[in-house]
């Protein structure tokens, strides 16, 4: 896997913010997916040994069957502190190790966390997408920022997530009677398309199958 726009990871929080501000100009919010998507991947990260070890998991599923066809788990010492808004610097190095261990790279990645719905418009899904040039979508269980109206209680209903008047994501009801999830474009995927792909990857549960598989691997 050849990375685009490489940068150092051993940086201060101030240097990390400067890197985010530079990379956010490279994020594409347009649809640039392959003509045929044959495999989708879920990406999630957990921590071991009191947070000193980062455990990243990638689960690759066939599409449209959503059957697990490949997976990888990578561990490395945690080298960046927990700072909201800078989680990609804490988590991506291990994710890159896990991606490197796959037999083939996925056509699309659903990343546990935010994409464009981020204070500097470079959440982990955007950051990972820009580095790998793989289309990515952020699937957040909770809201990082922004405001929204009520989401109708029916499967597939969504409302815009807004920050200072800008639409930064979608608040999506994946199942009737459960809490919505927070969807935002990562890279090379438009918002409406991101919502559609999350729904295509979601079955009987609140979270997409990609996220569920990756979470089980990341949690051990």
Protein backbone atom coordinates (compact mmCIF):
# COMPACT_ATOMS: atom_id res chain seq x y z
CA UNK A 1 0.00 0.00 0.00
CA UNK A 2 1.49 3.29 -1.12
CA UNK A 3 0.46 6.26 0.99
CA UNK A 4 -0.33 9.70 -0.38
CA UNK A 5 0.66 12.86 1.46
CA UNK A 6 2.73 11.18 4.17
CA UNK A 7 3.58 13.17 7.29
CA UNK A 8 5.29 12.50 10.64
CA UNK A 9 3.28 11.02 13.52
CA UNK A 10 5.64 11.93 16.35
CA UNK A 11 4.33 15.49 16.63
CA UNK A 12 3.01 17.91 19.25
CA UNK A 13 -0.72 18.69 19.40
CA UNK A 14 -0.01 22.07 17.81
CA UNK A 15 1.86 20.41 14.94
CA UNK A 16 -0.98 17.88 14.55
CA UNK A 17 -3.51 20.71 14.17
CA UNK A 18 -1.31 22.33 11.51
CA UNK A 19 -1.20 19.01 9.62
CA UNK A 20 -4.99 18.74 9.80
CA UNK A 21 -5.41 22.24 8.40
CA UNK A 22 -3.12 21.35 5.49
CA UNK A 23 -4.72 17.99 4.71
CA UNK A 24 -8.31 19.22 4.89
CA UNK A 25 -7.76 21.03 1.58
CA UNK A 26 -7.15 17.63 -0.04
CA UNK A 27 -10.47 16.06 1.06
CA UNK A 28 -12.86 15.31 -1.81
CA UNK A 29 -16.57 15.45 -1.02
CA UNK A 30 -17.46 14.26 -4.53
CA UNK A 31 -18.35 10.71 -5.55
CA UNK A 32 -15.22 9.01 -6.81
CA UNK A 33 -16.00 5.40 -5.97
CA UNK A 34 -15.13 2.48 -8.25
CA UNK A 35 -17.78 1.72 -10.87
CA UNK A 36 -18.41 -1.61 -9.12
CA UNK A 37 -17.89 -1.96 -5.37
CA UNK A 38 -17.13 -5.62 -4.62
CA UNK A 39 -15.87 -5.31 -1.05
CA UNK A 40 -16.41 -2.93 1.84
CA UNK A 41 -14.40 -2.72 5.03
CA UNK A 42 -15.09 -1.70 8.58
CA UNK A 43 -12.35 0.01 10.57
CA UNK A 44 -12.32 0.26 14.37
CA UNK A 45 -9.75 0.79 17.12
CA UNK A 46 -9.55 -0.36 20.72
CA UNK A 47 -6.90 -0.14 23.40
CA UNK A 48 -5.16 -2.66 25.62
CA UNK A 49 -3.05 -2.55 28.76
CA UNK A 50 -4.56 0.61 30.14
CA UNK A 51 -4.42 2.42 26.83
CA UNK A 52 -0.71 1.91 26.28
CA UNK A 53 -1.28 -0.42 23.31
CA UNK A 54 -3.40 0.54 20.31
CA UNK A 55 -5.32 -2.35 18.72
CA UNK A 56 -6.65 -1.60 15.22
CA UNK A 57 -8.94 -3.90 13.27
CA UNK A 58 -10.04 -3.97 9.65
CA UNK A 59 -12.82 -6.34 8.59
CA UNK A 60 -13.35 -6.76 4.85
CA UNK A 61 -16.78 -7.94 3.68
CA UNK A 62 -18.02 -8.98 0.25
CA UNK A 63 -20.67 -6.76 -1.27
CA UNK A 64 -23.61 -7.12 -1.56
CA UNK A 65 -23.50 -10.36 0.47
CA UNK A 66 -21.81 -8.69 3.47
CA UNK A 67 -19.90 -11.86 4.29
CA UNK A 68 -16.53 -11.61 6.02
CA UNK A 69 -13.79 -12.46 3.50
CA UNK A 70 -10.65 -11.06 5.15
CA UNK A 71 -9.58 -9.33 8.34
CA UNK A 72 -6.49 -8.07 10.11
CA UNK A 73 -5.63 -6.85 13.59
CA UNK A 74 -2.53 -4.78 14.33
CA UNK A 75 -1.09 -3.66 17.65
CA UNK A 76 1.45 -0.97 18.37
CA UNK A 77 2.44 1.13 21.38
CA UNK A 78 0.18 4.15 21.83
CA UNK A 79 2.33 7.18 21.14
CA UNK A 80 -0.13 10.11 21.05
CA UNK A 81 -2.24 11.37 23.97
CA UNK A 82 -6.03 11.29 24.06
CA UNK A 83 -7.09 14.72 22.77
CA UNK A 84 -10.60 15.21 21.32
CA UNK A 85 -10.32 16.33 17.70
CA UNK A 86 -6.90 14.70 17.28
CA UNK A 87 -7.83 11.03 17.65
CA UNK A 88 -6.57 10.17 14.16
CA UNK A 89 -2.99 10.80 15.32
CA UNK A 90 -3.53 8.28 18.11
CA UNK A 91 -5.25 5.63 15.98
CA UNK A 92 -4.24 5.78 12.29
CA UNK A 93 -0.68 4.39 12.59
CA UNK A 94 -2.09 1.07 13.85
CA UNK A 95 -4.89 1.16 11.26
CA UNK A 96 -2.31 1.50 8.49
CA UNK A 97 -0.52 -1.57 9.86
CA UNK A 98 -3.79 -3.53 9.74
CA UNK A 99 -4.58 -2.41 6.19
CA UNK A 100 -1.10 -3.46 5.13
CA UNK A 101 -1.82 -6.97 6.41
CA UNK A 102 -4.90 -7.50 4.20
CA UNK A 103 -4.55 -9.58 1.06
CA UNK A 104 -6.14 -6.79 -1.01
CA UNK A 105 -7.38 -3.33 -0.15
CA UNK A 106 -11.14 -2.66 0.03
CA UNK A 107 -13.09 -0.55 -2.45
CA UNK A 108 -14.75 1.45 0.34
CA UNK A 109 -14.08 1.86 4.08
CA UNK A 110 -16.59 2.66 6.82
CA UNK A 111 -14.55 4.07 9.68
CA UNK A 112 -15.73 4.14 13.28
CA UNK A 113 -15.64 7.87 14.05
CA UNK A 114 -16.14 11.16 12.30
CA UNK A 115 -15.26 12.29 8.80
CA UNK A 116 -16.09 15.83 7.71
CA UNK A 117 -18.14 16.37 10.90
CA UNK A 118 -15.07 17.62 12.74
CA UNK A 119 -14.00 21.06 14.06
CA UNK A 120 -11.32 21.32 11.37
CA UNK A 121 -13.22 19.18 8.83
CA UNK A 122 -10.63 16.40 9.07
CA UNK A 123 -11.92 13.61 11.27
CA UNK A 124 -10.31 10.18 11.21
CA UNK A 125 -12.28 9.02 8.14
CA UNK A 126 -11.10 12.05 6.12
CA UNK A 127 -7.53 11.70 7.36
CA UNK A 128 -7.36 7.99 6.55
CA UNK A 129 -8.98 8.51 3.16
CA UNK A 130 -6.57 11.26 2.12
CA UNK A 131 -3.56 9.15 3.14
CA UNK A 132 -4.70 5.94 1.41
CA UNK A 133 -6.79 7.48 -1.41
CA UNK A 134 -9.50 4.89 -0.64
CA UNK A 135 -13.10 6.18 -0.49
CA UNK A 136 -14.11 6.48 3.16
CA UNK A 137 -17.17 7.25 5.27
CA UNK A 138 -17.28 8.25 8.92
CA UNK A 139 -19.80 6.34 11.04
CA UNK A 140 -20.00 7.85 14.51
CA UNK A 141 -21.96 6.37 17.39
CA UNK A 142 -22.03 9.78 19.09
CA UNK A 143 -21.97 13.41 17.97
CA UNK A 144 -18.71 15.35 18.10
CA UNK A 145 -20.19 18.71 17.12
CA UNK A 146 -23.07 20.26 15.24
CA UNK A 147 -26.81 20.64 15.74
CA UNK A 148 -29.78 18.89 14.17
CA UNK A 149 -33.52 18.51 14.31
CA UNK A 150 -35.47 15.43 15.28
CA UNK A 151 -35.01 12.33 13.15
CA UNK A 152 -38.24 10.58 12.07
CA UNK A 153 -38.56 7.14 13.67
CA UNK A 154 -38.33 5.05 10.52
CA UNK A 155 -35.52 3.09 8.94
CA UNK A 156 -33.44 5.20 6.54
CA UNK A 157 -34.75 8.58 7.72
CA UNK A 158 -32.14 11.27 8.25
CA UNK A 159 -31.72 14.97 8.90
CA UNK A 160 -28.72 17.23 8.20
CA UNK A 161 -26.07 17.77 10.87
CA UNK A 162 -25.18 21.48 10.82
CA UNK A 163 -22.26 23.53 12.10
CA UNK A 164 -22.35 27.31 11.66
CA UNK A 165 -24.87 26.91 8.85
CA UNK A 166 -22.82 24.32 6.94
CA UNK A 167 -24.07 20.77 6.44
CA UNK A 168 -21.26 18.58 7.79
CA UNK A 169 -23.02 15.23 8.01
CA UNK A 170 -26.27 13.35 8.48
CA UNK A 171 -28.07 12.01 11.55
CA UNK A 172 -29.37 8.67 10.29
CA UNK A 173 -31.96 6.30 11.75
CA UNK A 174 -30.72 2.90 10.67
CA UNK A 175 -33.48 1.05 12.53
CA UNK A 176 -36.85 2.04 13.89
CA UNK A 177 -36.86 2.52 17.64
CA UNK A 178 -33.09 2.85 18.11
CA UNK A 179 -30.76 5.83 18.47
CA UNK A 180 -29.53 7.35 15.20
CA UNK A 181 -25.90 7.27 14.07
CA UNK A 182 -23.81 10.18 12.81
CA UNK A 183 -22.66 9.84 9.22
CA UNK A 184 -20.23 12.14 7.45
CA UNK A 185 -18.20 11.93 4.25
CA UNK A 186 -14.59 10.92 4.68
CA UNK A 187 -12.98 11.14 1.25
CA UNK A 188 -14.18 10.61 -2.32
CA UNK A 189 -17.80 10.12 -1.20
CA UNK A 190 -20.62 12.69 -1.18
CA UNK A 191 -22.95 12.94 1.82
CA UNK A 192 -26.07 11.48 0.16
CA UNK A 193 -23.99 8.58 -1.17
CA UNK A 194 -22.46 8.03 2.27
CA UNK A 195 -25.93 7.67 3.77
CA UNK A 196 -26.96 5.23 1.03
CA UNK A 197 -23.88 3.07 1.54
CA UNK A 198 -24.33 2.93 5.30
CA UNK A 199 -27.88 1.71 4.76
CA UNK A 200 -26.72 -0.88 2.22
CA UNK A 201 -24.29 -2.21 4.79
CA UNK A 202 -26.80 -2.25 7.67
CA UNK A 203 -28.91 -5.28 8.45
CA UNK A 204 -30.91 -6.05 11.59
CA UNK A 205 -28.81 -3.96 13.95
CA UNK A 206 -28.17 -0.27 14.61
CA UNK A 207 -24.61 -0.35 13.26
CA UNK A 208 -23.49 -1.44 9.78
CA UNK A 209 -22.20 -4.99 9.48
CA UNK A 210 -18.77 -3.58 8.61
CA UNK A 211 -18.60 -1.70 11.90
CA UNK A 212 -19.92 -4.64 13.90
CA UNK A 213 -17.29 -7.03 12.55
CA UNK A 214 -14.48 -4.52 13.05
CA UNK A 215 -15.64 -3.68 16.56
CA UNK A 216 -15.57 -7.33 17.62
CA UNK A 217 -12.01 -7.66 16.34
CA UNK A 218 -10.86 -4.38 17.90
CA UNK A 219 -12.39 -5.32 21.25
CA UNK A 220 -10.71 -8.71 21.35
